[in-house]
mmCIF file of all heavy atoms, coordinates in Angstrom:
data_MODEL
# 
_entry.id   MODEL 
# 
loop_
_atom_site.group_PDB 
_atom_site.id 
_atom_site.type_symbol 
_atom_site.label_atom_id 
_atom_site.label_alt_id 
_atom_site.label_comp_id 
_atom_site.label_asym_id 
_atom_site.label_entity_id 
_atom_site.label_seq_id 
_atom_site.pdbx_PDB_ins_code 
_atom_site.Cartn_x 
_atom_site.Cartn_y 
_atom_site.Cartn_z 
_atom_site.occupancy 
_atom_site.B_iso_or_equiv 
_atom_site.pdbx_formal_charge 
_atom_site.auth_seq_id 
_atom_site.auth_comp_id 
_atom_site.auth_asym_id 
_atom_site.auth_atom_id 
_atom_site.pdbx_PDB_model_num 
ATOM 1   N N   . ILE A 1 1  ? -12.620 84.065  -93.490  1.00 0.00 ? 1  ILE A N   1 
ATOM 2   C CA  . ILE A 1 1  ? -12.035 84.245  -92.162  1.00 0.00 ? 1  ILE A CA  1 
ATOM 3   C C   . ILE A 1 1  ? -11.606 82.907  -91.585  1.00 0.00 ? 1  ILE A C   1 
ATOM 4   O O   . ILE A 1 1  ? -12.169 81.860  -91.910  1.00 0.00 ? 1  ILE A O   1 
ATOM 5   C CB  . ILE A 1 1  ? -13.027 84.932  -91.190  1.00 0.00 ? 1  ILE A CB  1 
ATOM 6   C CG1 . ILE A 1 1  ? -14.282 84.086  -91.023  1.00 0.00 ? 1  ILE A CG1 1 
ATOM 7   C CG2 . ILE A 1 1  ? -13.376 86.331  -91.687  1.00 0.00 ? 1  ILE A CG2 1 
ATOM 8   C CD1 . ILE A 1 1  ? -15.226 84.602  -89.946  1.00 0.00 ? 1  ILE A CD1 1 
ATOM 9   N N   . GLY A 1 2  ? -10.590 82.948  -90.726  1.00 0.00 ? 2  GLY A N   1 
ATOM 10  C CA  . GLY A 1 2  ? -10.156 81.758  -90.021  1.00 0.00 ? 2  GLY A CA  1 
ATOM 11  C C   . GLY A 1 2  ? -11.106 81.411  -88.883  1.00 0.00 ? 2  GLY A C   1 
ATOM 12  O O   . GLY A 1 2  ? -11.940 82.224  -88.467  1.00 0.00 ? 2  GLY A O   1 
ATOM 13  N N   . SER A 1 3  ? -10.960 80.208  -88.330  1.00 0.00 ? 3  SER A N   1 
ATOM 14  C CA  . SER A 1 3  ? -11.889 79.734  -87.305  1.00 0.00 ? 3  SER A CA  1 
ATOM 15  C C   . SER A 1 3  ? -11.844 80.588  -86.039  1.00 0.00 ? 3  SER A C   1 
ATOM 16  O O   . SER A 1 3  ? -12.842 80.713  -85.325  1.00 0.00 ? 3  SER A O   1 
ATOM 17  C CB  . SER A 1 3  ? -11.564 78.275  -86.950  1.00 0.00 ? 3  SER A CB  1 
ATOM 18  O OG  . SER A 1 3  ? -10.200 78.159  -86.504  1.00 0.00 ? 3  SER A OG  1 
ATOM 19  N N   . GLY A 1 4  ? -10.701 81.205  -85.744  1.00 0.00 ? 4  GLY A N   1 
ATOM 20  C CA  . GLY A 1 4  ? -10.586 82.033  -84.545  1.00 0.00 ? 4  GLY A CA  1 
ATOM 21  C C   . GLY A 1 4  ? -11.413 83.299  -84.609  1.00 0.00 ? 4  GLY A C   1 
ATOM 22  O O   . GLY A 1 4  ? -11.716 83.906  -83.578  1.00 0.00 ? 4  GLY A O   1 
ATOM 23  N N   . LEU A 1 5  ? -11.797 83.714  -85.821  1.00 0.00 ? 5  LEU A N   1 
ATOM 24  C CA  . LEU A 1 5  ? -12.604 84.925  -85.995  1.00 0.00 ? 5  LEU A CA  1 
ATOM 25  C C   . LEU A 1 5  ? -14.096 84.625  -86.089  1.00 0.00 ? 5  LEU A C   1 
ATOM 26  O O   . LEU A 1 5  ? -14.905 85.538  -86.282  1.00 0.00 ? 5  LEU A O   1 
ATOM 27  C CB  . LEU A 1 5  ? -12.159 85.678  -87.251  1.00 0.00 ? 5  LEU A CB  1 
ATOM 28  C CG  . LEU A 1 5  ? -10.733 86.250  -87.207  1.00 0.00 ? 5  LEU A CG  1 
ATOM 29  C CD1 . LEU A 1 5  ? -10.355 86.859  -88.547  1.00 0.00 ? 5  LEU A CD1 1 
ATOM 30  C CD2 . LEU A 1 5  ? -10.609 87.293  -86.115  1.00 0.00 ? 5  LEU A CD2 1 
ATOM 31  N N   . ALA A 1 6  ? -14.463 83.344  -85.916  1.00 0.00 ? 6  ALA A N   1 
ATOM 32  C CA  . ALA A 1 6  ? -15.874 82.952  -86.001  1.00 0.00 ? 6  ALA A CA  1 
ATOM 33  C C   . ALA A 1 6  ? -16.773 83.714  -85.023  1.00 0.00 ? 6  ALA A C   1 
ATOM 34  O O   . ALA A 1 6  ? -17.932 83.996  -85.357  1.00 0.00 ? 6  ALA A O   1 
ATOM 35  C CB  . ALA A 1 6  ? -16.012 81.442  -85.790  1.00 0.00 ? 6  ALA A CB  1 
ATOM 36  N N   . PRO A 1 7  ? -16.298 84.069  -83.804  1.00 0.00 ? 7  PRO A N   1 
ATOM 37  C CA  . PRO A 1 7  ? -17.173 84.853  -82.903  1.00 0.00 ? 7  PRO A CA  1 
ATOM 38  C C   . PRO A 1 7  ? -17.654 86.175  -83.499  1.00 0.00 ? 7  PRO A C   1 
ATOM 39  O O   . PRO A 1 7  ? -18.682 86.705  -83.068  1.00 0.00 ? 7  PRO A O   1 
ATOM 40  C CB  . PRO A 1 7  ? -16.273 85.088  -81.677  1.00 0.00 ? 7  PRO A CB  1 
ATOM 41  C CG  . PRO A 1 7  ? -15.350 83.916  -81.659  1.00 0.00 ? 7  PRO A CG  1 
ATOM 42  C CD  . PRO A 1 7  ? -15.066 83.638  -83.116  1.00 0.00 ? 7  PRO A CD  1 
ATOM 43  N N   . LEU A 1 8  ? -16.939 86.723  -84.478  1.00 0.00 ? 8  LEU A N   1 
ATOM 44  C CA  . LEU A 1 8  ? -17.373 87.967  -85.117  1.00 0.00 ? 8  LEU A CA  1 
ATOM 45  C C   . LEU A 1 8  ? -18.659 87.776  -85.925  1.00 0.00 ? 8  LEU A C   1 
ATOM 46  O O   . LEU A 1 8  ? -19.298 88.742  -86.323  1.00 0.00 ? 8  LEU A O   1 
ATOM 47  C CB  . LEU A 1 8  ? -16.284 88.512  -86.041  1.00 0.00 ? 8  LEU A CB  1 
ATOM 48  C CG  . LEU A 1 8  ? -14.960 88.907  -85.401  1.00 0.00 ? 8  LEU A CG  1 
ATOM 49  C CD1 . LEU A 1 8  ? -14.002 89.441  -86.460  1.00 0.00 ? 8  LEU A CD1 1 
ATOM 50  C CD2 . LEU A 1 8  ? -15.173 89.955  -84.318  1.00 0.00 ? 8  LEU A CD2 1 
ATOM 51  N N   . LEU A 1 9  ? -19.032 86.509  -86.149  1.00 0.00 ? 9  LEU A N   1 
ATOM 52  C CA  . LEU A 1 9  ? -20.234 86.206  -86.925  1.00 0.00 ? 9  LEU A CA  1 
ATOM 53  C C   . LEU A 1 9  ? -21.415 85.851  -86.038  1.00 0.00 ? 9  LEU A C   1 
ATOM 54  O O   . LEU A 1 9  ? -22.504 85.543  -86.535  1.00 0.00 ? 9  LEU A O   1 
ATOM 55  C CB  . LEU A 1 9  ? -19.958 85.040  -87.888  1.00 0.00 ? 9  LEU A CB  1 
ATOM 56  C CG  . LEU A 1 9  ? -18.810 85.259  -88.881  1.00 0.00 ? 9  LEU A CG  1 
ATOM 57  C CD1 . LEU A 1 9  ? -18.595 84.013  -89.715  1.00 0.00 ? 9  LEU A CD1 1 
ATOM 58  C CD2 . LEU A 1 9  ? -19.093 86.454  -89.766  1.00 0.00 ? 9  LEU A CD2 1 
ATOM 59  N N   . LYS A 1 10 ? -21.225 85.902  -84.731  1.00 0.00 ? 10 LYS A N   1 
ATOM 60  C CA  . LYS A 1 10 ? -22.304 85.556  -83.808  1.00 0.00 ? 10 LYS A CA  1 
ATOM 61  C C   . LYS A 1 10 ? -23.289 86.715  -83.699  1.00 0.00 ? 10 LYS A C   1 
ATOM 62  O O   . LYS A 1 10 ? -22.914 87.857  -83.460  1.00 0.00 ? 10 LYS A O   1 
ATOM 63  C CB  . LYS A 1 10 ? -21.728 85.237  -82.432  1.00 0.00 ? 10 LYS A CB  1 
ATOM 64  C CG  . LYS A 1 10 ? -22.777 84.761  -81.428  1.00 0.00 ? 10 LYS A CG  1 
ATOM 65  C CD  . LYS A 1 10 ? -22.143 84.399  -80.098  1.00 0.00 ? 10 LYS A CD  1 
ATOM 66  C CE  . LYS A 1 10 ? -23.216 83.938  -79.112  1.00 0.00 ? 10 LYS A CE  1 
ATOM 67  N NZ  . LYS A 1 10 ? -22.608 83.582  -77.786  1.00 0.00 ? 10 LYS A NZ  1 
ATOM 68  N N   . VAL A 1 11 ? -24.564 86.400  -83.872  1.00 0.00 ? 11 VAL A N   1 
ATOM 69  C CA  . VAL A 1 11 ? -25.625 87.412  -83.793  1.00 0.00 ? 11 VAL A CA  1 
ATOM 70  C C   . VAL A 1 11 ? -26.162 87.454  -82.369  1.00 0.00 ? 11 VAL A C   1 
ATOM 71  O O   . VAL A 1 11 ? -26.665 86.453  -81.857  1.00 0.00 ? 11 VAL A O   1 
ATOM 72  C CB  . VAL A 1 11 ? -26.762 87.109  -84.784  1.00 0.00 ? 11 VAL A CB  1 
ATOM 73  C CG1 . VAL A 1 11 ? -27.852 88.175  -84.695  1.00 0.00 ? 11 VAL A CG1 1 
ATOM 74  C CG2 . VAL A 1 11 ? -26.222 87.015  -86.207  1.00 0.00 ? 11 VAL A CG2 1 
ATOM 75  N N   . SER A 1 12 ? -26.044 88.594  -81.706  1.00 0.00 ? 12 SER A N   1 
ATOM 76  C CA  . SER A 1 12 ? -26.510 88.739  -80.334  1.00 0.00 ? 12 SER A CA  1 
ATOM 77  C C   . SER A 1 12 ? -28.038 88.833  -80.292  1.00 0.00 ? 12 SER A C   1 
ATOM 78  O O   . SER A 1 12 ? -28.688 89.177  -81.287  1.00 0.00 ? 12 SER A O   1 
ATOM 79  C CB  . SER A 1 12 ? -25.908 90.005  -79.701  1.00 0.00 ? 12 SER A CB  1 
ATOM 80  O OG  . SER A 1 12 ? -24.498 89.959  -79.728  1.00 0.00 ? 12 SER A OG  1 
ATOM 81  N N   . ASP A 1 13 ? -28.595 88.533  -79.147  1.00 0.00 ? 13 ASP A N   1 
ATOM 82  C CA  . ASP A 1 13 ? -30.040 88.622  -78.968  1.00 0.00 ? 13 ASP A CA  1 
ATOM 83  C C   . ASP A 1 13 ? -30.512 90.053  -79.229  1.00 0.00 ? 13 ASP A C   1 
ATOM 84  O O   . ASP A 1 13 ? -29.927 91.019  -78.736  1.00 0.00 ? 13 ASP A O   1 
ATOM 85  C CB  . ASP A 1 13 ? -30.427 88.214  -77.541  1.00 0.00 ? 13 ASP A CB  1 
ATOM 86  C CG  . ASP A 1 13 ? -30.161 86.735  -77.274  1.00 0.00 ? 13 ASP A CG  1 
ATOM 87  O OD1 . ASP A 1 13 ? -30.072 85.981  -78.263  1.00 0.00 ? 13 ASP A OD1 1 
ATOM 88  O OD2 . ASP A 1 13 ? -30.028 86.347  -76.090  1.00 0.00 ? 13 ASP A OD2 1 
ATOM 89  N N   . GLY A 1 14 ? -31.561 90.169  -80.002  1.00 0.00 ? 14 GLY A N   1 
ATOM 90  C CA  . GLY A 1 14 ? -32.114 91.486  -80.316  1.00 0.00 ? 14 GLY A CA  1 
ATOM 91  C C   . GLY A 1 14 ? -31.458 92.173  -81.492  1.00 0.00 ? 14 GLY A C   1 
ATOM 92  O O   . GLY A 1 14 ? -31.893 93.246  -81.903  1.00 0.00 ? 14 GLY A O   1 
ATOM 93  N N   . GLU A 1 15 ? -30.391 91.577  -82.026  1.00 0.00 ? 15 GLU A N   1 
ATOM 94  C CA  . GLU A 1 15 ? -29.685 92.147  -83.173  1.00 0.00 ? 15 GLU A CA  1 
ATOM 95  C C   . GLU A 1 15 ? -30.078 91.400  -84.448  1.00 0.00 ? 15 GLU A C   1 
ATOM 96  O O   . GLU A 1 15 ? -30.436 90.219  -84.410  1.00 0.00 ? 15 GLU A O   1 
ATOM 97  C CB  . GLU A 1 15 ? -28.172 92.068  -82.983  1.00 0.00 ? 15 GLU A CB  1 
ATOM 98  C CG  . GLU A 1 15 ? -27.652 92.840  -81.781  1.00 0.00 ? 15 GLU A CG  1 
ATOM 99  C CD  . GLU A 1 15 ? -27.664 94.340  -82.010  1.00 0.00 ? 15 GLU A CD  1 
ATOM 100 O OE1 . GLU A 1 15 ? -27.703 94.756  -83.193  1.00 0.00 ? 15 GLU A OE1 1 
ATOM 101 O OE2 . GLU A 1 15 ? -27.653 95.085  -81.022  1.00 0.00 ? 15 GLU A OE2 1 
ATOM 102 N N   . GLU A 1 16 ? -30.001 92.080  -85.574  1.00 0.00 ? 16 GLU A N   1 
ATOM 103 C CA  . GLU A 1 16 ? -30.323 91.461  -86.862  1.00 0.00 ? 16 GLU A CA  1 
ATOM 104 C C   . GLU A 1 16 ? -29.095 90.935  -87.580  1.00 0.00 ? 16 GLU A C   1 
ATOM 105 O O   . GLU A 1 16 ? -29.214 90.140  -88.519  1.00 0.00 ? 16 GLU A O   1 
ATOM 106 C CB  . GLU A 1 16 ? -31.045 92.462  -87.768  1.00 0.00 ? 16 GLU A CB  1 
ATOM 107 C CG  . GLU A 1 16 ? -32.411 92.887  -87.262  1.00 0.00 ? 16 GLU A CG  1 
ATOM 108 C CD  . GLU A 1 16 ? -33.122 93.800  -88.240  1.00 0.00 ? 16 GLU A CD  1 
ATOM 109 O OE1 . GLU A 1 16 ? -32.517 94.116  -89.294  1.00 0.00 ? 16 GLU A OE1 1 
ATOM 110 O OE2 . GLU A 1 16 ? -34.266 94.194  -87.962  1.00 0.00 ? 16 GLU A OE2 1 
ATOM 111 N N   . ASP A 1 17 ? -27.936 91.394  -87.157  1.00 0.00 ? 17 ASP A N   1 
ATOM 112 C CA  . ASP A 1 17 ? -26.719 91.000  -87.858  1.00 0.00 ? 17 ASP A CA  1 
ATOM 113 C C   . ASP A 1 17 ? -25.578 90.889  -86.864  1.00 0.00 ? 17 ASP A C   1 
ATOM 114 O O   . ASP A 1 17 ? -25.634 91.399  -85.745  1.00 0.00 ? 17 ASP A O   1 
ATOM 115 C CB  . ASP A 1 17 ? -26.386 92.025  -88.947  1.00 0.00 ? 17 ASP A CB  1 
ATOM 116 C CG  . ASP A 1 17 ? -25.680 91.401  -90.135  1.00 0.00 ? 17 ASP A CG  1 
ATOM 117 O OD1 . ASP A 1 17 ? -25.161 90.281  -89.980  1.00 0.00 ? 17 ASP A OD1 1 
ATOM 118 O OD2 . ASP A 1 17 ? -25.642 92.022  -91.208  1.00 0.00 ? 17 ASP A OD2 1 
ATOM 119 N N   . SER A 1 18 ? -24.514 90.226  -87.295  1.00 0.00 ? 18 SER A N   1 
ATOM 120 C CA  . SER A 1 18 ? -23.325 90.042  -86.471  1.00 0.00 ? 18 SER A CA  1 
ATOM 121 C C   . SER A 1 18 ? -22.445 91.282  -86.529  1.00 0.00 ? 18 SER A C   1 
ATOM 122 O O   . SER A 1 18 ? -22.624 92.144  -87.401  1.00 0.00 ? 18 SER A O   1 
ATOM 123 C CB  . SER A 1 18 ? -22.543 88.827  -86.972  1.00 0.00 ? 18 SER A CB  1 
ATOM 124 O OG  . SER A 1 18 ? -22.024 89.087  -88.274  1.00 0.00 ? 18 SER A OG  1 
ATOM 125 N N   . PRO A 1 19 ? -21.455 91.402  -85.624  1.00 0.00 ? 19 PRO A N   1 
ATOM 126 C CA  . PRO A 1 19 ? -20.548 92.565  -85.678  1.00 0.00 ? 19 PRO A CA  1 
ATOM 127 C C   . PRO A 1 19 ? -19.837 92.714  -87.024  1.00 0.00 ? 19 PRO A C   1 
ATOM 128 O O   . PRO A 1 19 ? -19.770 93.814  -87.575  1.00 0.00 ? 19 PRO A O   1 
ATOM 129 C CB  . PRO A 1 19 ? -19.555 92.290  -84.549  1.00 0.00 ? 19 PRO A CB  1 
ATOM 130 C CG  . PRO A 1 19 ? -20.312 91.430  -83.586  1.00 0.00 ? 19 PRO A CG  1 
ATOM 131 C CD  . PRO A 1 19 ? -21.212 90.575  -84.430  1.00 0.00 ? 19 PRO A CD  1 
ATOM 132 N N   . LEU A 1 20 ? -19.338 91.601  -87.574  1.00 0.00 ? 20 LEU A N   1 
ATOM 133 C CA  . LEU A 1 20 ? -18.647 91.680  -88.856  1.00 0.00 ? 20 LEU A CA  1 
ATOM 134 C C   . LEU A 1 20 ? -19.635 91.943  -89.989  1.00 0.00 ? 20 LEU A C   1 
ATOM 135 O O   . LEU A 1 20 ? -19.342 92.698  -90.922  1.00 0.00 ? 20 LEU A O   1 
ATOM 136 C CB  . LEU A 1 20 ? -17.864 90.390  -89.128  1.00 0.00 ? 20 LEU A CB  1 
ATOM 137 C CG  . LEU A 1 20 ? -17.025 90.368  -90.413  1.00 0.00 ? 20 LEU A CG  1 
ATOM 138 C CD1 . LEU A 1 20 ? -16.055 91.534  -90.454  1.00 0.00 ? 20 LEU A CD1 1 
ATOM 139 C CD2 . LEU A 1 20 ? -16.284 89.044  -90.548  1.00 0.00 ? 20 LEU A CD2 1 
ATOM 140 N N   . GLY A 1 21 ? -20.827 91.349  -89.915  1.00 0.00 ? 21 GLY A N   1 
ATOM 141 C CA  . GLY A 1 21 ? -21.843 91.589  -90.930  1.00 0.00 ? 21 GLY A CA  1 
ATOM 142 C C   . GLY A 1 21 ? -22.242 93.054  -91.003  1.00 0.00 ? 21 GLY A C   1 
ATOM 143 O O   . GLY A 1 21 ? -22.427 93.616  -92.081  1.00 0.00 ? 21 GLY A O   1 
ATOM 144 N N   . LYS A 1 22 ? -22.361 93.699  -89.833  1.00 0.00 ? 22 LYS A N   1 
ATOM 145 C CA  . LYS A 1 22 ? -22.702 95.124  -89.793  1.00 0.00 ? 22 LYS A CA  1 
ATOM 146 C C   . LYS A 1 22 ? -21.615 95.967  -90.439  1.00 0.00 ? 22 LYS A C   1 
ATOM 147 O O   . LYS A 1 22 ? -21.894 96.922  -91.181  1.00 0.00 ? 22 LYS A O   1 
ATOM 148 C CB  . LYS A 1 22 ? -22.904 95.576  -88.347  1.00 0.00 ? 22 LYS A CB  1 
ATOM 149 C CG  . LYS A 1 22 ? -24.154 95.039  -87.678  1.00 0.00 ? 22 LYS A CG  1 
ATOM 150 C CD  . LYS A 1 22 ? -24.215 95.516  -86.231  1.00 0.00 ? 22 LYS A CD  1 
ATOM 151 C CE  . LYS A 1 22 ? -25.426 94.951  -85.502  1.00 0.00 ? 22 LYS A CE  1 
ATOM 152 N NZ  . LYS A 1 22 ? -25.440 95.366  -84.074  1.00 0.00 ? 22 LYS A NZ  1 
ATOM 153 N N   . GLU A 1 23 ? -20.361 95.634  -90.157  1.00 0.00 ? 23 GLU A N   1 
ATOM 154 C CA  . GLU A 1 23 ? -19.262 96.418  -90.708  1.00 0.00 ? 23 GLU A CA  1 
ATOM 155 C C   . GLU A 1 23 ? -19.171 96.262  -92.225  1.00 0.00 ? 23 GLU A C   1 
ATOM 156 O O   . GLU A 1 23 ? -18.876 97.221  -92.945  1.00 0.00 ? 23 GLU A O   1 
ATOM 157 C CB  . GLU A 1 23 ? -17.941 96.003  -90.054  1.00 0.00 ? 23 GLU A CB  1 
ATOM 158 C CG  . GLU A 1 23 ? -17.824 96.367  -88.580  1.00 0.00 ? 23 GLU A CG  1 
ATOM 159 C CD  . GLU A 1 23 ? -17.784 97.875  -88.355  1.00 0.00 ? 23 GLU A CD  1 
ATOM 160 O OE1 . GLU A 1 23 ? -17.390 98.619  -89.276  1.00 0.00 ? 23 GLU A OE1 1 
ATOM 161 O OE2 . GLU A 1 23 ? -18.144 98.308  -87.244  1.00 0.00 ? 23 GLU A OE2 1 
ATOM 162 N N   . ILE A 1 24 ? -19.425 95.066  -92.724  1.00 0.00 ? 24 ILE A N   1 
ATOM 163 C CA  . ILE A 1 24 ? -19.353 94.847  -94.167  1.00 0.00 ? 24 ILE A CA  1 
ATOM 164 C C   . ILE A 1 24 ? -20.513 95.556  -94.867  1.00 0.00 ? 24 ILE A C   1 
ATOM 165 O O   . ILE A 1 24 ? -20.344 96.129  -95.957  1.00 0.00 ? 24 ILE A O   1 
ATOM 166 C CB  . ILE A 1 24 ? -19.336 93.341  -94.482  1.00 0.00 ? 24 ILE A CB  1 
ATOM 167 C CG1 . ILE A 1 24 ? -17.977 92.762  -94.047  1.00 0.00 ? 24 ILE A CG1 1 
ATOM 168 C CG2 . ILE A 1 24 ? -19.587 93.072  -95.956  1.00 0.00 ? 24 ILE A CG2 1 
ATOM 169 C CD1 . ILE A 1 24 ? -17.816 91.291  -94.267  1.00 0.00 ? 24 ILE A CD1 1 
ATOM 170 N N   . LEU A 1 25 ? -21.692 95.556  -94.238  1.00 0.00 ? 25 LEU A N   1 
ATOM 171 C CA  . LEU A 1 25 ? -22.809 96.319  -94.798  1.00 0.00 ? 25 LEU A CA  1 
ATOM 172 C C   . LEU A 1 25 ? -22.480 97.809  -94.824  1.00 0.00 ? 25 LEU A C   1 
ATOM 173 O O   . LEU A 1 25 ? -22.778 98.510  -95.796  1.00 0.00 ? 25 LEU A O   1 
ATOM 174 C CB  . LEU A 1 25 ? -24.064 96.071  -93.964  1.00 0.00 ? 25 LEU A CB  1 
ATOM 175 C CG  . LEU A 1 25 ? -25.333 96.823  -94.402  1.00 0.00 ? 25 LEU A CG  1 
ATOM 176 C CD1 . LEU A 1 25 ? -25.702 96.456  -95.830  1.00 0.00 ? 25 LEU A CD1 1 
ATOM 177 C CD2 . LEU A 1 25 ? -26.486 96.546  -93.446  1.00 0.00 ? 25 LEU A CD2 1 
ATOM 178 N N   . LYS A 1 26 ? -21.835 98.286  -93.759  1.00 0.00 ? 26 LYS A N   1 
ATOM 179 C CA  . LYS A 1 26 ? -21.412 99.682  -93.707  1.00 0.00 ? 26 LYS A CA  1 
ATOM 180 C C   . LYS A 1 26 ? -20.421 99.985  -94.825  1.00 0.00 ? 26 LYS A C   1 
ATOM 181 O O   . LYS A 1 26 ? -20.476 101.064 -95.452  1.00 0.00 ? 26 LYS A O   1 
ATOM 182 C CB  . LYS A 1 26 ? -20.784 99.984  -92.347  1.00 0.00 ? 26 LYS A CB  1 
ATOM 183 C CG  . LYS A 1 26 ? -20.395 101.433 -92.140  1.00 0.00 ? 26 LYS A CG  1 
ATOM 184 C CD  . LYS A 1 26 ? -19.850 101.648 -90.731  1.00 0.00 ? 26 LYS A CD  1 
ATOM 185 C CE  . LYS A 1 26 ? -19.461 103.101 -90.511  1.00 0.00 ? 26 LYS A CE  1 
ATOM 186 N NZ  . LYS A 1 26 ? -18.930 103.319 -89.128  1.00 0.00 ? 26 LYS A NZ  1 
ATOM 187 N N   . CYS A 1 27 ? -19.525 99.054  -95.101  1.00 0.00 ? 27 CYS A N   1 
ATOM 188 C CA  . CYS A 1 27 ? -18.542 99.230  -96.180  1.00 0.00 ? 27 CYS A CA  1 
ATOM 189 C C   . CYS A 1 27 ? -19.244 99.383  -97.525  1.00 0.00 ? 27 CYS A C   1 
ATOM 190 O O   . CYS A 1 27 ? -18.914 100.271 -98.318  1.00 0.00 ? 27 CYS A O   1 
ATOM 191 C CB  . CYS A 1 27 ? -17.594 98.037  -96.195  1.00 0.00 ? 27 CYS A CB  1 
ATOM 192 S SG  . CYS A 1 27 ? -16.419 98.046  -97.563  1.00 0.00 ? 27 CYS A SG  1 
ATOM 193 N N   . ARG A 1 28 ? -20.236 98.545  -97.783  1.00 0.00 ? 28 ARG A N   1 
ATOM 194 C CA  . ARG A 1 28 ? -20.975 98.624  -99.049  1.00 0.00 ? 28 ARG A CA  1 
ATOM 195 C C   . ARG A 1 28 ? -21.686 99.963  -99.188  1.00 0.00 ? 28 ARG A C   1 
ATOM 196 O O   . ARG A 1 28 ? -21.705 100.570 -100.267 1.00 0.00 ? 28 ARG A O   1 
ATOM 197 C CB  . ARG A 1 28 ? -21.977 97.483  -99.139  1.00 0.00 ? 28 ARG A CB  1 
ATOM 198 C CG  . ARG A 1 28 ? -21.348 96.101  -99.303  1.00 0.00 ? 28 ARG A CG  1 
ATOM 199 C CD  . ARG A 1 28 ? -22.397 95.017  -99.193  1.00 0.00 ? 28 ARG A CD  1 
ATOM 200 N NE  . ARG A 1 28 ? -23.424 95.163  -100.218 1.00 0.00 ? 28 ARG A NE  1 
ATOM 201 C CZ  . ARG A 1 28 ? -24.681 94.735  -100.073 1.00 0.00 ? 28 ARG A CZ  1 
ATOM 202 N NH1 . ARG A 1 28 ? -25.063 94.166  -98.940  1.00 0.00 ? 28 ARG A NH1 1 
ATOM 203 N NH2 . ARG A 1 28 ? -25.540 94.888  -101.056 1.00 0.00 ? 28 ARG A NH2 1 
# 
């Protein structure tokens, strides 16, 4: 991913994974 999409990798408080990480796990 490009640098502008880096916020998709931010893990929110109380979450185990980032928004993009969750979607990729769902894909698998």
